[in-house]
Amino acid sequence: MSALSAWNGLRQRCNNPKARQWKDYGGRGIAVRFASFNEFLSEVGERPPGMTIDRIDNNGDYAPGNVRWATRAEQQRNRRNAVFVEIEGDRYRVLDLVKQSGLKHDTIVDRANRGLSLAEVMSLKRFYNLSGFTLGGAASGAKQQQRTHCSKGHEFTPENTRITPQGWRNCRTCHRMKMRALNLKKQ
């Protein structure tokens, strides 16, 4: 592909509603802001081998200062569905942090959103978010003790109440139904 074919391709994507990729370019408002091919060529130069035209700001137009020749890998990192996080004032692509740390995508995003430092975001150490928990679980235990019926509507009576090894109240009727269903599956 030469610079001329790249020029023709980007004009088709942005200006021709019948073009295959028009919905992703012209259809979402991406425009060509170069007056001519010569202006485009003076901005980017001839195409280097193995590179294709790319917009630096993926939501911006094909315009001076927003186009470059890029490798396939660079273009894959510059997609509009790429997820970025801001950590200590710097912007990072989540997929790059996932590859470097081996952590899950959601873990990186959660840690960055909690305002942790880059070292903490990339750390294999677990960070627990204990906000909303009361010490000793006193509030949740008291709340459960106030309930008079289980989630299925069975009353908590002494005959119908089962205490688990962890100290939680369970409905014996619901527990029996659950155990019967499990036993039927085994047969």
Protein backbone atom coordinates (compact mmCIF):
# COMPACT_ATOMS: atom_id res chain seq x y z
CA MET A 1 0.00 0.00 0.00
CA SER A 2 1.35 3.39 -0.94
CA ALA A 3 0.58 6.76 0.61
CA LEU A 4 -1.83 7.38 -2.29
CA SER A 5 -3.80 4.17 -1.64
CA ALA A 6 -3.95 5.03 2.09
CA TRP A 7 -5.26 8.48 1.13
CA ASN A 8 -7.92 6.99 -1.15
CA GLY A 9 -8.91 4.43 1.50
CA LEU A 10 -9.37 6.95 4.30
CA ARG A 11 -11.40 9.21 2.02
CA GLN A 12 -13.66 6.28 1.10
CA ARG A 13 -14.14 5.29 4.78
CA CYS A 14 -15.05 8.85 5.75
CA ASN A 15 -16.97 10.15 2.74
CA ASN A 16 -18.73 7.21 1.06
CA PRO A 17 -21.77 5.80 2.91
CA LYS A 18 -21.62 2.74 0.64
CA ALA A 19 -18.07 1.89 1.79
CA ARG A 20 -17.80 -1.25 3.95
CA GLN A 21 -16.19 0.59 6.91
CA TRP A 22 -18.15 3.83 6.61
CA LYS A 23 -20.23 3.21 9.79
CA ASP A 24 -17.01 3.11 11.86
CA TYR A 25 -15.57 6.28 10.31
CA GLY A 26 -17.79 8.73 8.41
CA GLY A 27 -20.87 7.25 10.08
CA ARG A 28 -19.59 8.31 13.50
CA GLY A 29 -18.39 11.73 12.36
CA ILE A 30 -14.73 11.10 11.46
CA ALA A 31 -13.78 13.52 8.65
CA VAL A 32 -10.78 14.17 6.41
CA ARG A 33 -9.31 17.60 7.19
CA PHE A 34 -6.57 17.62 4.55
CA ALA A 35 -7.22 19.89 1.57
CA SER A 36 -5.31 17.65 -0.83
CA PHE A 37 -3.21 14.53 -1.19
CA ASN A 38 -0.07 16.69 -1.28
CA GLU A 39 -0.92 18.21 2.12
CA PHE A 40 -1.51 14.70 3.48
CA LEU A 41 1.77 13.43 1.99
CA SER A 42 3.75 16.35 3.44
CA GLU A 43 2.27 15.53 6.88
CA VAL A 44 3.03 11.78 6.96
CA GLY A 45 5.53 11.15 4.15
CA GLU A 46 5.71 7.96 2.12
CA ARG A 47 4.51 4.76 3.75
CA PRO A 48 7.26 2.81 5.54
CA PRO A 49 7.19 -0.97 4.93
CA GLY A 50 4.80 -2.86 7.21
CA MET A 51 2.91 0.24 8.37
CA THR A 52 -0.54 1.62 7.73
CA ILE A 53 -2.17 4.98 8.41
CA ASP A 54 -3.45 5.55 11.94
CA ARG A 55 -5.15 8.38 13.83
CA ILE A 56 -3.33 9.26 17.07
CA ASP A 57 -6.61 10.27 18.74
CA ASN A 58 -8.93 7.49 17.64
CA ASN A 59 -11.98 9.74 18.04
CA GLY A 60 -10.39 12.59 16.09
CA ASP A 61 -10.41 13.37 12.39
CA TYR A 62 -7.81 12.55 9.78
CA ALA A 63 -6.20 15.95 10.28
CA PRO A 64 -2.74 17.52 10.52
CA GLY A 65 -1.14 16.49 13.80
CA ASN A 66 -3.46 13.49 14.26
CA VAL A 67 -2.13 11.01 11.68
CA ARG A 68 0.90 8.75 11.62
CA TRP A 69 2.19 5.54 10.10
CA ALA A 70 1.83 2.74 12.64
CA THR A 71 2.42 -0.99 12.93
CA ARG A 72 -0.48 -3.40 13.33
CA ALA A 73 0.40 -3.80 17.05
CA GLU A 74 0.36 -0.01 17.60
CA GLN A 75 -3.01 0.21 15.89
CA GLN A 76 -4.45 -2.61 18.02
CA ARG A 77 -3.48 -0.66 21.15
CA ASN A 78 -5.14 2.48 19.75
CA ARG A 79 -8.66 1.09 19.35
CA ARG A 80 -11.68 2.96 20.65
CA ASN A 81 -12.72 0.02 22.84
CA ALA A 82 -9.36 0.02 24.64
CA VAL A 83 -9.73 0.64 28.37
CA PHE A 84 -7.47 3.17 30.06
CA VAL A 85 -6.97 4.07 33.71
CA GLU A 86 -5.37 7.06 35.33
CA ILE A 87 -2.81 6.32 38.03
CA GLU A 88 -0.94 9.10 39.80
CA GLY A 89 -1.83 11.52 37.00
CA ASP A 90 -0.59 9.26 34.17
CA ARG A 91 -2.80 7.41 31.68
CA TYR A 92 -2.19 3.67 31.21
CA ARG A 93 -3.78 1.12 28.91
CA VAL A 94 -5.24 -1.63 31.10
CA LEU A 95 -4.27 -4.43 28.71
CA ASP A 96 -0.59 -3.38 28.93
CA LEU A 97 -0.74 -3.43 32.75
CA VAL A 98 -2.42 -6.85 32.67
CA LYS A 99 0.39 -8.24 30.50
CA GLN A 100 3.09 -6.76 32.75
CA SER A 101 1.57 -7.84 36.07
CA GLY A 102 -0.34 -11.02 35.29
CA LEU A 103 -3.33 -9.66 37.22
CA LYS A 104 -6.91 -9.71 35.97
CA HIS A 105 -8.34 -6.79 34.00
CA ASP A 106 -11.00 -6.03 36.63
CA THR A 107 -8.39 -6.06 39.41
CA ILE A 108 -6.31 -3.40 37.65
CA VAL A 109 -9.36 -1.20 36.98
CA ASP A 110 -10.67 -1.57 40.55
CA ARG A 111 -7.31 -0.73 42.13
CA ALA A 112 -6.78 2.28 39.87
CA ASN A 113 -10.29 3.56 40.62
CA ARG A 114 -9.55 3.26 44.34
CA GLY A 115 -6.60 5.64 43.91
CA LEU A 116 -3.79 3.19 44.64
CA SER A 117 -0.24 3.93 43.46
CA LEU A 118 1.18 2.24 40.35
CA ALA A 119 3.25 -0.10 42.54
CA GLU A 120 0.14 -1.07 44.50
CA VAL A 121 -1.94 -1.52 41.34
CA MET A 122 0.72 -3.84 39.87
CA SER A 123 1.39 -5.71 43.13
CA LEU A 124 0.46 -9.36 43.48
CA LYS A 125 -0.42 -8.62 47.10
CA ARG A 126 -4.17 -8.62 47.80
CA PHE A 127 -5.82 -5.38 48.80
CA TYR A 128 -9.14 -5.82 50.57
CA ASN A 129 -11.85 -3.20 50.40
CA LEU A 130 -13.46 -3.42 53.83
CA SER A 131 -15.57 -0.30 53.55
CA GLY A 132 -19.14 -1.03 54.54
CA PHE A 133 -18.19 -3.81 56.97
CA THR A 134 -18.55 -3.40 60.71
CA LEU A 135 -15.98 -4.82 63.06
CA GLY A 136 -17.00 -8.22 64.40
CA GLY A 137 -20.04 -8.41 62.11
CA ALA A 138 -22.29 -7.25 64.95
CA ALA A 139 -24.58 -5.26 62.70
CA SER A 140 -25.20 -8.03 60.16
CA GLY A 141 -25.69 -10.66 62.89
CA ALA A 142 -28.23 -8.48 64.70
CA LYS A 143 -30.05 -7.83 61.45
CA GLN A 144 -30.33 -11.55 60.71
CA GLN A 145 -31.58 -12.29 64.23
CA GLN A 146 -34.45 -9.80 63.72
CA ARG A 147 -35.83 -11.73 60.74
CA THR A 148 -38.83 -13.90 61.50
CA HIS A 149 -38.97 -15.75 58.14
CA CYS A 150 -36.44 -17.14 55.64
CA SER A 151 -36.17 -15.80 52.10
CA LYS A 152 -38.70 -18.44 50.90
CA GLY A 153 -41.23 -17.36 53.55
CA HIS A 154 -40.85 -20.22 56.08
CA GLU A 155 -41.11 -19.08 59.69
CA PHE A 156 -38.06 -19.35 61.95
CA THR A 157 -39.43 -21.50 64.76
CA PRO A 158 -37.29 -23.62 67.11
CA GLU A 159 -38.32 -26.75 65.13
CA ASN A 160 -37.62 -25.14 61.75
CA THR A 161 -34.36 -23.34 62.61
CA ARG A 162 -30.96 -24.87 62.00
CA ILE A 163 -27.77 -23.22 63.33
CA THR A 164 -24.75 -23.69 61.04
CA PRO A 165 -21.24 -24.35 62.41
CA GLN A 166 -20.49 -20.68 61.62
CA GLY A 167 -23.39 -19.57 63.83
CA TRP A 168 -25.86 -18.60 61.08
CA ARG A 169 -29.57 -19.44 61.22
CA ASN A 170 -30.92 -21.49 58.33
CA CYS A 171 -34.39 -22.71 57.52
CA ARG A 172 -34.62 -26.50 58.01
CA THR A 173 -37.39 -26.79 55.38
CA CYS A 174 -35.26 -25.05 52.74
CA HIS A 175 -32.21 -27.09 53.74
CA ARG A 176 -34.16 -30.39 53.39
CA MET A 177 -35.44 -29.34 49.95
CA LYS A 178 -31.92 -28.43 48.86
CA MET A 179 -30.50 -31.77 50.07
CA ARG A 180 -33.28 -33.76 48.33
CA ALA A 181 -32.57 -31.97 45.05
CA LEU A 182 -28.85 -32.70 45.37
CA ASN A 183 -29.50 -36.38 46.15
CA LEU A 184 -31.83 -36.72 43.15
CA LYS A 185 -29.10 -35.33 40.90
CA LYS A 186 -26.66 -37.97 42.17
CA GLN A 187 -28.98 -40.85 41.26
